Amino acid sequence: MAALEELWLRSQRENNPDLIGPFVADKFVATQSDGKVIGKIEMLASAKASKYSSAEYGDVKVTVFGNTAIVTGLEKLKGADSSGHPLDVNERFTDTWVEMAKGNWQCVASQQTTNSAPDANAKASVMHRRKVINCRGRDGHSLTAPRTDPYGRVNAYGSHLG
């Protein structure tokens, strides 16, 4: 999951949503921070029209439940939105990933929430690299996954939470 989230970040940094498109389910649903619900086509079109001058993720955590993974984190984006208006985003996100029948992972849902208390995330330093370990999924496929804590939560930096 860490590698797929890193790919999503790269797609934002490079203003190239085609990088993440194949990893987003056709029935994908996103709830934006303004409450608007959109699908895959709208999300990719908006991402293509937006121009980011900077994109960073932080405090990324992954929790795996069988063939489903929940990824939470902090995203900071700057640039111009699809209408050309200045964009300065400081949000928390939750992405839901599902391992499909053929063993590939796709994002099926995403939600963004405006982070109105920036000091609440003082420990959430913005990441540039993640330390991960290799492991095997329930079906034996090799996955790149971060380490878990005693409660099954995962820190994408590879260190235990708590």
Protein backbone atom coordinates (compact mmCIF):
# COMPACT_ATOMS: atom_id res chain seq x y z
CA MET A 1 0.00 0.00 0.00
CA ALA A 2 2.85 2.35 0.80
CA ALA A 3 4.14 1.99 -2.77
CA LEU A 4 0.69 2.70 -4.23
CA GLU A 5 0.22 5.78 -2.04
CA GLU A 6 3.70 6.93 -3.07
CA LEU A 7 2.62 6.51 -6.71
CA TRP A 8 -0.48 8.65 -6.01
CA LEU A 9 1.77 11.34 -4.50
CA ARG A 10 4.06 11.14 -7.54
CA SER A 11 1.04 11.54 -9.85
CA GLN A 12 0.18 14.76 -7.99
CA ARG A 13 3.76 16.06 -8.00
CA GLU A 14 4.09 15.38 -11.74
CA ASN A 15 0.53 16.55 -12.55
CA ASN A 16 -0.02 13.15 -14.19
CA PRO A 17 -3.15 11.36 -12.89
CA ASP A 18 -2.66 8.66 -15.55
CA LEU A 19 -0.04 7.16 -13.21
CA ILE A 20 -2.65 6.29 -10.57
CA GLY A 21 -5.66 5.74 -12.87
CA PRO A 22 -5.13 1.98 -13.34
CA PHE A 23 -5.04 1.53 -9.55
CA VAL A 24 -8.40 3.27 -8.98
CA ALA A 25 -11.48 1.02 -9.20
CA ASP A 26 -14.08 1.83 -11.85
CA LYS A 27 -16.70 2.09 -9.06
CA PHE A 28 -14.42 4.34 -6.95
CA VAL A 29 -16.20 6.86 -4.70
CA ALA A 30 -14.56 9.93 -3.17
CA THR A 31 -16.02 12.27 -0.58
CA GLN A 32 -14.24 15.58 -0.88
CA SER A 33 -13.62 17.96 2.03
CA ASP A 34 -16.54 20.14 0.85
CA GLY A 35 -18.90 17.13 1.07
CA LYS A 36 -19.18 16.60 -2.69
CA VAL A 37 -19.21 12.93 -3.73
CA ILE A 38 -17.49 12.09 -7.02
CA GLY A 39 -16.49 9.00 -8.98
CA LYS A 40 -13.31 7.89 -10.73
CA ILE A 41 -13.92 9.86 -13.95
CA GLU A 42 -14.58 13.12 -12.09
CA MET A 43 -11.62 12.60 -9.74
CA LEU A 44 -9.17 11.93 -12.57
CA ALA A 45 -10.53 14.86 -14.64
CA SER A 46 -10.19 17.23 -11.68
CA ALA A 47 -6.68 15.97 -10.95
CA LYS A 48 -5.70 16.45 -14.59
CA ALA A 49 -7.02 20.03 -14.61
CA SER A 50 -5.37 20.93 -11.29
CA LYS A 51 -1.74 22.05 -11.36
CA TYR A 52 0.26 21.38 -8.22
CA SER A 53 3.41 23.34 -7.45
CA SER A 54 4.01 21.13 -4.39
CA ALA A 55 2.50 17.93 -2.99
CA GLU A 56 3.53 16.23 0.25
CA TYR A 57 2.13 13.44 2.44
CA GLY A 58 2.83 12.85 6.11
CA ASP A 59 1.77 10.71 9.06
CA VAL A 60 0.79 7.88 6.70
CA LYS A 61 -0.50 4.73 8.41
CA VAL A 62 -1.77 1.47 6.89
CA THR A 63 -4.06 -1.06 8.57
CA VAL A 64 -4.75 -4.34 6.76
CA PHE A 65 -7.89 -6.43 7.23
CA GLY A 66 -7.51 -9.54 5.04
CA ASN A 67 -7.92 -8.31 1.46
CA THR A 68 -8.70 -4.71 2.50
CA ALA A 69 -6.30 -1.97 3.57
CA ILE A 70 -7.15 1.38 5.13
CA VAL A 71 -4.57 4.13 4.62
CA THR A 72 -4.76 7.39 6.56
CA GLY A 73 -2.50 10.37 6.32
CA LEU A 74 -1.96 14.08 5.98
CA GLU A 75 -1.68 15.78 2.59
CA LYS A 76 -0.45 19.27 1.82
CA LEU A 77 -0.98 20.51 -1.73
CA LYS A 78 -0.30 23.91 -3.30
CA GLY A 79 -0.99 25.12 -6.80
CA ALA A 80 -4.09 25.97 -8.82
CA ASP A 81 -7.39 24.08 -8.91
CA SER A 82 -9.25 23.06 -12.07
CA SER A 83 -10.77 26.59 -12.29
CA GLY A 84 -7.36 28.25 -12.02
CA HIS A 85 -7.97 29.50 -8.46
CA PRO A 86 -5.11 29.28 -5.94
CA LEU A 87 -5.03 26.01 -4.07
CA ASP A 88 -3.59 25.57 -0.56
CA VAL A 89 -4.75 22.23 0.85
CA ASN A 90 -4.05 20.92 4.35
CA GLU A 91 -6.19 17.80 4.74
CA ARG A 92 -6.42 14.42 6.39
CA PHE A 93 -7.25 11.58 4.00
CA THR A 94 -8.55 8.03 4.30
CA ASP A 95 -8.12 5.69 1.33
CA THR A 96 -9.66 2.21 1.18
CA TRP A 97 -7.80 -0.36 -0.94
CA VAL A 98 -9.10 -3.81 -1.88
CA GLU A 99 -7.17 -6.75 -3.28
CA MET A 100 -9.11 -7.79 -6.39
CA ALA A 101 -9.67 -11.35 -7.67
CA LYS A 102 -6.53 -11.30 -9.82
CA GLY A 103 -4.36 -10.22 -6.86
CA ASN A 104 -4.03 -6.56 -7.88
CA TRP A 105 -4.90 -3.78 -5.41
CA GLN A 106 -7.27 -0.94 -6.28
CA CYS A 107 -8.46 2.09 -4.35
CA VAL A 108 -12.25 1.84 -3.99
CA ALA A 109 -12.95 4.85 -1.77
CA SER A 110 -11.31 8.02 -0.50
CA GLN A 111 -12.30 10.79 1.87
CA GLN A 112 -10.65 14.12 2.57
CA THR A 113 -11.26 16.23 5.68
CA THR A 114 -9.95 19.76 6.07
CA ASN A 115 -7.30 19.89 8.78
CA SER A 116 -8.34 23.05 10.62
CA ALA A 117 -6.02 22.45 13.59
CA PRO A 118 -2.48 22.37 12.14
CA ASP A 119 -0.91 22.26 15.61
CA ALA A 120 -2.76 18.99 16.25
CA ASN A 121 -0.41 17.41 13.74
CA ALA A 122 2.86 18.71 15.12
CA LYS A 123 4.21 15.15 15.18
CA ALA A 124 3.10 14.55 11.58
CA SER A 125 6.22 15.54 9.74
CA VAL A 126 5.89 15.54 5.98
CA MET A 127 7.49 12.53 4.41
CA HIS A 128 9.78 12.26 1.46
CA ARG A 129 10.72 8.59 1.85
CA ARG A 130 9.19 5.62 3.62
CA LYS A 131 11.01 2.69 5.17
CA VAL A 132 9.10 -0.52 4.41
CA ILE A 133 9.66 -4.25 4.63
CA ASN A 134 8.66 -7.02 2.22
CA CYS A 135 6.05 -9.53 3.30
CA ARG A 136 3.62 -12.01 1.79
CA GLY A 137 -0.13 -11.47 1.43
CA ARG A 138 -2.69 -14.10 2.47
CA ASP A 139 -2.50 -15.64 -1.01
CA GLY A 140 1.31 -15.75 -1.06
CA HIS A 141 1.83 -12.73 -3.31
CA SER A 142 4.75 -10.56 -2.35
CA LEU A 143 3.67 -7.20 -0.96
CA THR A 144 5.63 -4.21 0.15
CA ALA A 145 4.19 -3.36 3.53
CA PRO A 146 5.20 -1.41 6.59
CA ARG A 147 5.53 -2.95 10.06
CA THR A 148 2.54 -3.34 12.37
CA ASP A 149 2.14 -2.46 16.03
CA PRO A 150 0.52 -4.84 18.59
CA TYR A 151 -2.94 -3.55 17.56
CA GLY A 152 -2.50 -4.28 13.85
CA ARG A 153 -1.93 -0.63 12.92
CA VAL A 154 0.92 0.13 10.59
CA ASN A 155 3.29 3.05 10.36
CA ALA A 156 4.43 3.63 6.77
CA TYR A 157 7.80 4.78 8.07
CA GLY A 158 8.44 1.24 9.35
CA SER A 159 8.43 2.08 13.05
CA HIS A 160 5.91 0.97 15.64
CA LEU A 161 3.11 3.30 16.65
CA GLY A 162 2.26 4.18 20.16
